[in-house]
Amino acid sequence: MVEHTLEVKDLTKVFQTNDDIITAVDAVNFQLSGDEFFTMLGPSGCGKTTTLRMIAGLETCTAGNIIFDGQDYSRISTFQRNIGMVFQSYALFPHLSLFENVAYGLRIRKLSKPEIKKRIDDMLKLLGLQDLSHRYPADISGGQQQRVSIARALVYDPGLLLLDEPLANLDAKLRIEMREEIRRIQKELGIMTIYVTHDQEEAMSVSDRVAIFNHGRLMQVGKPKTVYSNPASIFVSDFIGKANFFPVHIAQRDKTSAKISLNNGHELKIDRLYQLIEEEHDQIATGYDGTIMVRPEHISIVPVDDVGLMRCTIKRVQFLGSFHRYMVESPQSERKVIVDSPREVSGIGEGDAASLVINTADAQLFYLGDRG
């Protein structure tokens, strides 16, 4: 099996409108190899789909290069790129049977009838559609239609598979089933895959690596666990999972740790430090040097008379099956604090006063400037 490589270098897309010039994708760089499942994740309008469409050849590049197996794809036609594409809308031909929908790309490539039949039979079997080949799109479910669109994208053995929000039109239960099916098929075929979604859980569950986009820029790339545990910016912290932020004063800092104080004067030592990118300087409250980010599972609630870092009031308790979620208010944070506890905190309910304890080993400090 050929091990493919992809390098996206300074990829940029600028749109000219009547009123303004919009940079939809701003000098994006990343590399893929082998059968990697790579997901581009971010809010609507962040540039992820435009990046995918440039890789597919459906959008021209304003600047930059797309190098696949040493060939600059930005300089050749869409058809010559040998890329499989799965769209959110399925894009099936309603007047063609499932067999003929899947066969469409093979017929354009002028494969022989026996080869077409063999490829389609094998692909439909892989996707569990072998008994439906004579049916039409209107006669099958949304999940089955999406399987057909995947079969059509894969049947001609592309070197790269692109999926643009492929599960957006499915219900919640079917989305979970289909994302696991896509991951299974992708690994079984060993095909490099780029997947676009705004669904965090979807991205985290299927991806080898995720790329977080915001305002056309690539904010961070890494394994899902790494991005969640070590976000490199306030945006990524807040976009991936839940995050709590507490403004702090920095008393002392070196390259490996910092001594900080909350606004109640309580001091902490933090060993995970990240200098803020310039665009996020305004995220720090006036008069403070930085903010610490703590995930909900790394904060504990204790009775108010115990030793706690900060006082709080329990505003809401939610039972979410495998854990209890506490929504609390504290003078130490400008917004509600979320605490996820594996079990109910005995004797503490809605309306009660309590204290919060931070697990400092898992807290991150985002700081301003480069003060010594």
Protein backbone atom coordinates (compact mmCIF):
# COMPACT_ATOMS: atom_id res chain seq x y z
CA MET A 1 0.00 0.00 0.00
CA VAL A 2 1.33 3.42 -1.00
CA GLU A 3 1.88 5.78 1.95
CA HIS A 4 0.75 9.19 0.81
CA THR A 5 1.86 12.57 2.14
CA LEU A 6 0.16 15.96 2.17
CA GLU A 7 1.69 19.33 2.98
CA VAL A 8 -0.38 22.50 3.16
CA LYS A 9 1.94 25.52 3.03
CA ASP A 10 0.84 29.09 3.82
CA LEU A 11 -2.59 28.40 2.32
CA THR A 12 -4.57 31.63 1.99
CA LYS A 13 -7.96 32.57 0.60
CA VAL A 14 -9.11 36.18 0.22
CA PHE A 15 -12.62 37.11 -0.93
CA GLN A 16 -13.39 40.52 -2.42
CA THR A 17 -16.90 41.77 -1.62
CA ASN A 18 -18.60 45.05 -2.51
CA ASP A 19 -17.87 46.38 0.95
CA ASP A 20 -14.64 44.76 2.09
CA ILE A 21 -11.79 42.33 1.57
CA ILE A 22 -12.27 39.18 3.68
CA THR A 23 -9.41 36.83 4.54
CA ALA A 24 -11.26 33.54 4.97
CA VAL A 25 -8.09 31.44 5.36
CA ASP A 26 -4.92 33.08 6.66
CA ALA A 27 -1.57 31.36 5.94
CA VAL A 28 -2.53 27.88 7.16
CA ASN A 29 0.17 25.21 7.49
CA PHE A 30 -0.05 21.49 8.35
CA GLN A 31 1.27 18.11 7.23
CA LEU A 32 -0.31 14.64 7.01
CA SER A 33 0.99 11.20 6.16
CA GLY A 34 -0.18 7.59 5.85
CA ASP A 35 -3.71 6.75 6.94
CA GLU A 36 -4.08 9.68 9.32
CA PHE A 37 -7.59 10.81 10.25
CA PHE A 38 -7.24 14.59 10.48
CA THR A 39 -10.16 16.76 11.58
CA MET A 40 -10.53 20.50 11.05
CA LEU A 41 -12.70 21.86 13.85
CA GLY A 42 -14.03 25.31 14.64
CA PRO A 43 -17.08 27.58 14.79
CA SER A 44 -19.07 28.58 11.71
CA GLY A 45 -17.15 30.91 9.40
CA CYS A 46 -13.72 30.01 10.80
CA GLY A 47 -12.21 28.88 7.47
CA LYS A 48 -12.23 25.10 7.85
CA THR A 49 -14.60 24.35 4.95
CA THR A 50 -12.87 26.87 2.67
CA THR A 51 -9.56 25.13 3.43
CA LEU A 52 -11.11 21.76 2.55
CA ARG A 53 -12.56 23.13 -0.68
CA MET A 54 -9.17 24.51 -1.73
CA ILE A 55 -7.60 21.09 -1.13
CA ALA A 56 -10.38 19.54 -3.23
CA GLY A 57 -9.93 22.11 -6.00
CA LEU A 58 -13.43 23.55 -5.56
CA GLU A 59 -11.95 26.93 -4.53
CA THR A 60 -8.89 28.58 -5.99
CA CYS A 61 -6.01 29.52 -3.67
CA THR A 62 -5.12 33.17 -3.28
CA ALA A 63 -1.68 32.11 -2.06
CA GLY A 64 0.14 29.05 -0.78
CA ASN A 65 0.58 25.47 -1.94
CA ILE A 66 -1.04 22.06 -1.53
CA ILE A 67 1.64 19.41 -2.02
CA PHE A 68 0.33 15.84 -2.33
CA ASP A 69 2.98 13.15 -2.86
CA GLY A 70 5.35 15.83 -4.10
CA GLN A 71 2.92 17.26 -6.66
CA ASP A 72 1.53 20.79 -6.30
CA TYR A 73 -2.22 20.21 -6.36
CA SER A 74 -2.92 23.94 -6.40
CA ARG A 75 -1.71 23.95 -10.02
CA ILE A 76 -3.78 21.09 -11.42
CA SER A 77 -7.49 20.54 -12.06
CA THR A 78 -9.92 19.01 -9.57
CA PHE A 79 -10.34 15.87 -11.68
CA GLN A 80 -6.58 15.26 -11.83
CA ARG A 81 -6.24 15.35 -8.02
CA ASN A 82 -7.77 11.88 -7.47
CA ILE A 83 -9.58 12.98 -4.32
CA GLY A 84 -12.75 11.46 -2.88
CA MET A 85 -15.24 14.03 -1.54
CA VAL A 86 -18.26 13.46 0.72
CA PHE A 87 -20.66 16.37 1.08
CA GLN A 88 -23.09 17.28 3.85
CA SER A 89 -26.01 17.12 1.39
CA TYR A 90 -25.10 13.59 0.11
CA ALA A 91 -25.35 14.97 -3.50
CA LEU A 92 -26.78 11.72 -4.88
CA PHE A 93 -28.48 11.54 -8.28
CA PRO A 94 -32.17 10.90 -7.48
CA HIS A 95 -32.89 9.28 -10.88
CA LEU A 96 -30.10 6.70 -10.56
CA SER A 97 -30.06 3.50 -8.53
CA LEU A 98 -27.54 3.15 -5.73
CA PHE A 99 -25.42 0.96 -8.00
CA GLU A 100 -25.39 3.62 -10.73
CA ASN A 101 -24.71 6.42 -8.23
CA VAL A 102 -21.59 4.60 -7.05
CA ALA A 103 -20.65 3.66 -10.62
CA TYR A 104 -20.76 7.25 -11.87
CA GLY A 105 -17.10 8.10 -11.22
CA LEU A 106 -15.90 4.77 -12.56
CA ARG A 107 -17.78 5.17 -15.81
CA ILE A 108 -16.25 8.63 -16.30
CA ARG A 109 -12.85 6.98 -15.83
CA LYS A 110 -13.85 4.43 -18.51
CA LEU A 111 -13.24 1.29 -16.47
CA SER A 112 -14.46 -2.00 -17.91
CA LYS A 113 -17.90 -3.32 -16.94
CA PRO A 114 -16.50 -6.33 -15.02
CA GLU A 115 -14.10 -4.06 -13.08
CA ILE A 116 -16.90 -1.60 -12.29
CA LYS A 117 -19.16 -4.39 -11.00
CA LYS A 118 -16.41 -5.92 -8.87
CA ARG A 119 -15.43 -2.60 -7.30
CA ILE A 120 -19.01 -1.62 -6.56
CA ASP A 121 -19.92 -5.02 -5.12
CA ASP A 122 -16.87 -4.91 -2.83
CA MET A 123 -17.57 -1.33 -1.72
CA LEU A 124 -21.28 -1.87 -1.08
CA LYS A 125 -20.44 -4.95 0.97
CA LEU A 126 -17.90 -2.97 3.02
CA LEU A 127 -20.62 -0.42 3.80
CA GLY A 128 -23.40 -2.94 4.43
CA LEU A 129 -25.37 -1.90 1.33
CA GLN A 130 -25.02 -5.03 -0.79
CA ASP A 131 -28.76 -5.82 -0.69
CA LEU A 132 -29.84 -2.28 -1.63
CA SER A 133 -27.97 -1.72 -4.90
CA HIS A 134 -31.17 -1.71 -7.00
CA ARG A 135 -32.93 0.91 -4.87
CA TYR A 136 -33.08 4.67 -5.41
CA PRO A 137 -32.02 7.41 -2.96
CA ALA A 138 -35.63 8.30 -2.09
CA ASP A 139 -36.24 4.70 -0.99
CA ILE A 140 -33.55 4.53 1.70
CA SER A 141 -32.80 6.30 5.00
CA GLY A 142 -30.54 9.30 5.53
CA GLY A 143 -27.86 7.11 7.08
CA GLN A 144 -27.96 4.75 4.11
CA GLN A 145 -27.78 7.69 1.69
CA GLN A 146 -24.66 8.91 3.48
CA ARG A 147 -23.13 5.44 3.15
CA VAL A 148 -23.81 5.57 -0.59
CA SER A 149 -22.07 8.94 -0.86
CA ILE A 150 -19.07 7.49 1.01
CA ALA A 151 -19.05 4.44 -1.29
CA ARG A 152 -19.08 6.72 -4.34
CA ALA A 153 -16.15 8.73 -2.98
CA LEU A 154 -14.06 5.64 -2.22
CA VAL A 155 -14.85 3.27 -5.07
CA TYR A 156 -12.25 4.66 -7.48
CA ASP A 157 -9.47 4.29 -4.88
CA PRO A 158 -8.59 7.95 -4.24
CA GLY A 159 -5.38 8.88 -2.50
CA LEU A 160 -7.17 11.28 -0.16
CA LEU A 161 -10.71 11.35 1.29
CA LEU A 162 -12.36 14.67 2.22
CA LEU A 163 -15.57 14.86 4.28
CA ASP A 164 -17.41 18.15 4.79
CA GLU A 165 -19.81 17.99 7.77
CA PRO A 166 -20.96 14.54 6.58
CA LEU A 167 -23.20 13.82 9.57
CA ALA A 168 -24.91 17.19 9.99
CA ASN A 169 -28.25 15.99 8.59
CA LEU A 170 -28.52 12.88 10.79
CA ASP A 171 -30.16 12.52 14.19
CA ALA A 172 -27.99 12.27 17.33
CA LYS A 173 -28.03 8.46 17.65
CA LEU A 174 -27.30 7.88 13.98
CA ARG A 175 -24.49 10.44 14.05
CA ILE A 176 -22.69 8.37 16.68
CA GLU A 177 -23.17 5.16 14.70
CA MET A 178 -22.02 6.73 11.44
CA ARG A 179 -18.94 8.43 12.84
CA GLU A 180 -17.73 5.07 14.15
CA GLU A 181 -18.57 3.49 10.78
CA ILE A 182 -16.55 6.15 8.95
CA ARG A 183 -13.59 5.60 11.27
CA ARG A 184 -13.79 1.81 10.77
CA ILE A 185 -13.92 2.06 6.98
CA GLN A 186 -11.15 4.67 6.88
CA LYS A 187 -8.75 2.52 8.89
CA GLU A 188 -9.72 -0.68 7.08
CA LEU A 189 -8.92 0.93 3.73
CA GLY A 190 -5.90 2.80 5.10
CA ILE A 191 -6.83 6.07 3.37
CA MET A 192 -5.65 9.52 4.44
CA THR A 193 -8.72 11.48 5.53
CA ILE A 194 -9.54 15.12 6.25
CA TYR A 195 -12.81 15.66 8.08
CA VAL A 196 -14.58 18.96 8.72
CA THR A 197 -17.00 19.43 11.62
CA HIS A 198 -18.06 21.94 14.25
CA ASP A 199 -18.98 19.11 16.65
CA GLN A 200 -16.29 18.76 19.32
CA GLU A 201 -17.31 15.30 20.50
CA GLU A 202 -17.39 14.03 16.95
CA ALA A 203 -13.90 15.38 16.27
CA MET A 204 -12.39 14.14 19.52
CA SER A 205 -13.81 10.62 19.17
CA VAL A 206 -12.65 9.75 15.65
CA SER A 207 -9.51 11.80 14.97
CA ASP A 208 -5.84 10.95 15.12
CA ARG A 209 -5.20 14.70 15.22
CA VAL A 210 -7.42 17.77 15.31
CA ALA A 211 -6.80 21.26 13.93
CA ILE A 212 -8.63 24.11 15.66
CA PHE A 213 -9.55 27.08 13.44
CA ASN A 214 -10.72 30.58 14.37
CA HIS A 215 -11.15 33.64 12.12
CA GLY A 216 -9.31 31.91 9.27
CA ARG A 217 -6.26 31.05 11.37
CA LEU A 218 -5.05 27.65 12.51
CA MET A 219 -4.86 28.03 16.28
CA GLN A 220 -3.52 24.61 17.32
CA VAL A 221 -2.89 21.13 15.91
CA GLY A 222 -2.44 18.01 18.01
CA LYS A 223 -3.86 14.75 19.26
CA PRO A 224 -7.32 15.20 20.79
CA LYS A 225 -6.10 14.43 24.31
CA THR A 226 -3.19 16.88 23.97
CA VAL A 227 -5.36 19.71 22.67
CA TYR A 228 -7.87 19.17 25.48
CA SER A 229 -5.26 18.84 28.24
CA ASN A 230 -2.82 21.46 26.95
CA PRO A 231 -4.69 24.12 24.97
CA ALA A 232 -2.31 26.77 23.66
CA SER A 233 -4.75 29.69 23.81
CA ILE A 234 -7.81 30.94 25.66
CA PHE A 235 -9.90 30.35 22.53
CA VAL A 236 -8.91 26.69 22.27
CA SER A 237 -9.42 26.26 26.02
CA ASP A 238 -12.94 27.61 25.77
CA PHE A 239 -13.88 25.93 22.49
CA ILE A 240 -12.75 22.40 23.34
CA GLY A 241 -14.80 21.11 26.26
CA LYS A 242 -15.69 23.26 29.27
CA ALA A 243 -13.26 25.68 30.88
CA ASN A 244 -13.18 27.93 33.94
CA PHE A 245 -11.13 31.14 34.06
CA PHE A 246 -9.91 33.04 37.12
CA PRO A 247 -8.07 36.39 36.78
CA VAL A 248 -4.81 36.47 38.71
CA HIS A 249 -1.90 38.66 39.75
CA ILE A 250 1.57 37.25 39.05
CA ALA A 251 3.98 37.76 41.93
CA GLN A 252 6.89 35.84 40.41
CA ARG A 253 7.50 33.90 37.22
CA ASP A 254 10.36 32.06 35.55
CA LYS A 255 10.43 29.73 32.54
CA THR A 256 8.91 26.75 34.34
CA SER A 257 6.57 28.05 37.05
CA ALA A 258 4.79 31.06 38.48
CA LYS A 259 3.59 32.21 41.86
CA ILE A 260 0.19 33.82 41.44
CA SER A 261 -2.58 35.18 43.63
CA LEU A 262 -6.32 35.20 43.16
CA ASN A 263 -8.28 38.37 43.83
CA ASN A 264 -8.97 37.15 47.40
CA GLY A 265 -5.21 37.11 48.04
CA HIS A 266 -4.88 33.30 48.08
CA GLU A 267 -1.54 32.27 46.54
CA LEU A 268 -0.89 29.34 44.22
CA LYS A 269 2.06 27.87 42.35
CA ILE A 270 1.35 26.99 38.71
CA ASP A 271 3.75 24.91 36.61
CA ARG A 272 2.00 25.09 33.24
CA LEU A 273 2.59 28.46 31.58
CA TYR A 274 1.43 29.84 28.23
CA GLN A 275 2.13 33.34 26.97
CA LEU A 276 -0.98 34.86 25.45
CA ILE A 277 -1.10 35.52 21.74
CA GLU A 278 -1.52 39.22 20.98
CA GLU A 279 -5.13 38.80 19.80
CA GLU A 280 -6.11 37.53 23.25
CA HIS A 281 -4.60 40.28 25.40
CA ASP A 282 -8.05 41.82 25.79
CA GLN A 283 -9.26 38.59 27.40
CA ILE A 284 -7.44 39.54 30.61
CA ALA A 285 -9.43 41.61 33.10
CA THR A 286 -8.16 45.14 33.66
CA GLY A 287 -5.60 45.32 36.44
CA TYR A 288 -4.55 41.66 36.23
CA ASP A 289 -1.49 39.99 34.74
CA GLY A 290 -3.13 36.81 33.49
CA THR A 291 -5.78 34.17 33.97
CA ILE A 292 -5.68 30.56 35.08
CA MET A 293 -7.73 27.99 33.17
CA VAL A 294 -9.07 24.95 35.01
CA ARG A 295 -11.24 22.19 33.56
CA PRO A 296 -14.45 21.36 35.51
CA GLU A 297 -13.16 17.93 36.55
CA HIS A 298 -10.10 19.52 38.17
CA ILE A 299 -12.07 21.55 40.73
CA SER A 300 -13.61 20.10 43.88
CA ILE A 301 -16.43 21.43 46.04
CA VAL A 302 -15.98 21.24 49.82
CA PRO A 303 -18.01 22.57 52.78
CA VAL A 304 -17.53 26.26 53.40
CA ASP A 305 -15.87 25.68 56.77
CA ASP A 306 -13.20 23.44 55.22
CA VAL A 307 -9.96 24.84 53.81
CA GLY A 308 -10.88 26.03 50.33
CA LEU A 309 -9.34 28.35 47.80
CA MET A 310 -12.44 30.43 47.23
CA ARG A 311 -15.94 30.86 48.52
CA CYS A 312 -18.86 30.18 46.22
CA THR A 313 -22.63 29.71 46.06
CA ILE A 314 -24.19 26.67 44.41
CA LYS A 315 -26.67 27.91 41.82
CA ARG A 316 -27.60 24.71 39.96
CA VAL A 317 -26.93 20.97 40.30
CA GLN A 318 -27.40 18.71 37.25
CA PHE A 319 -27.30 14.90 37.29
CA LEU A 320 -25.76 13.87 33.95
CA GLY A 321 -25.56 10.11 34.38
CA SER A 322 -21.88 9.41 34.94
CA PHE A 323 -21.24 12.64 36.88
CA HIS A 324 -22.86 15.56 38.67
CA ARG A 325 -22.39 19.07 37.28
CA TYR A 326 -22.41 22.02 39.69
CA MET A 327 -22.94 25.54 38.38
CA VAL A 328 -21.60 27.96 40.98
CA GLU A 329 -20.96 31.66 41.40
CA SER A 330 -17.74 32.93 42.96
CA PRO A 331 -16.25 36.40 43.43
CA GLN A 332 -13.03 34.95 42.00
CA SER A 333 -14.47 34.54 38.49
CA GLU A 334 -16.34 36.91 36.20
CA ARG A 335 -18.63 34.14 34.96
CA LYS A 336 -20.25 31.01 36.34
CA VAL A 337 -17.85 28.28 37.43
CA ILE A 338 -18.56 24.71 36.30
CA VAL A 339 -17.53 21.80 38.54
CA ASP A 340 -17.93 18.20 37.40
CA SER A 341 -17.90 15.66 40.22
CA PRO A 342 -17.98 11.87 39.76
CA ARG A 343 -20.39 11.69 42.70
CA GLU A 344 -22.79 13.95 44.52
CA VAL A 345 -21.18 16.20 47.13
CA SER A 346 -22.81 15.19 50.39
CA GLY A 347 -24.71 17.88 52.25
CA ILE A 348 -24.28 20.58 49.57
CA GLY A 349 -27.16 21.56 47.32
CA GLU A 350 -28.59 24.45 45.34
CA GLY A 351 -28.45 27.73 47.23
CA ASP A 352 -25.78 26.55 49.68
CA ALA A 353 -22.48 28.28 50.35
CA ALA A 354 -19.35 26.19 49.74
CA SER A 355 -15.66 26.43 48.87
CA LEU A 356 -13.75 25.47 45.75
CA VAL A 357 -10.41 23.65 45.64
CA ILE A 358 -8.35 23.77 42.45
CA ASN A 359 -6.06 20.93 41.40
CA THR A 360 -3.09 23.15 40.56
CA ALA A 361 -1.24 20.36 38.74
CA ASP A 362 -3.86 20.58 36.00
CA ALA A 363 -4.32 24.37 35.99
CA GLN A 364 -2.81 26.50 33.22
CA LEU A 365 -1.64 30.09 33.46
CA PHE A 366 -2.10 32.35 30.45
CA TYR A 367 -0.02 35.47 31.05
CA LEU A 368 0.61 38.84 29.45
CA GLY A 369 3.93 40.04 28.14
CA ASP A 370 7.36 38.76 29.01
CA ARG A 371 8.04 40.01 32.46
CA GLY A 372 10.78 38.32 34.38
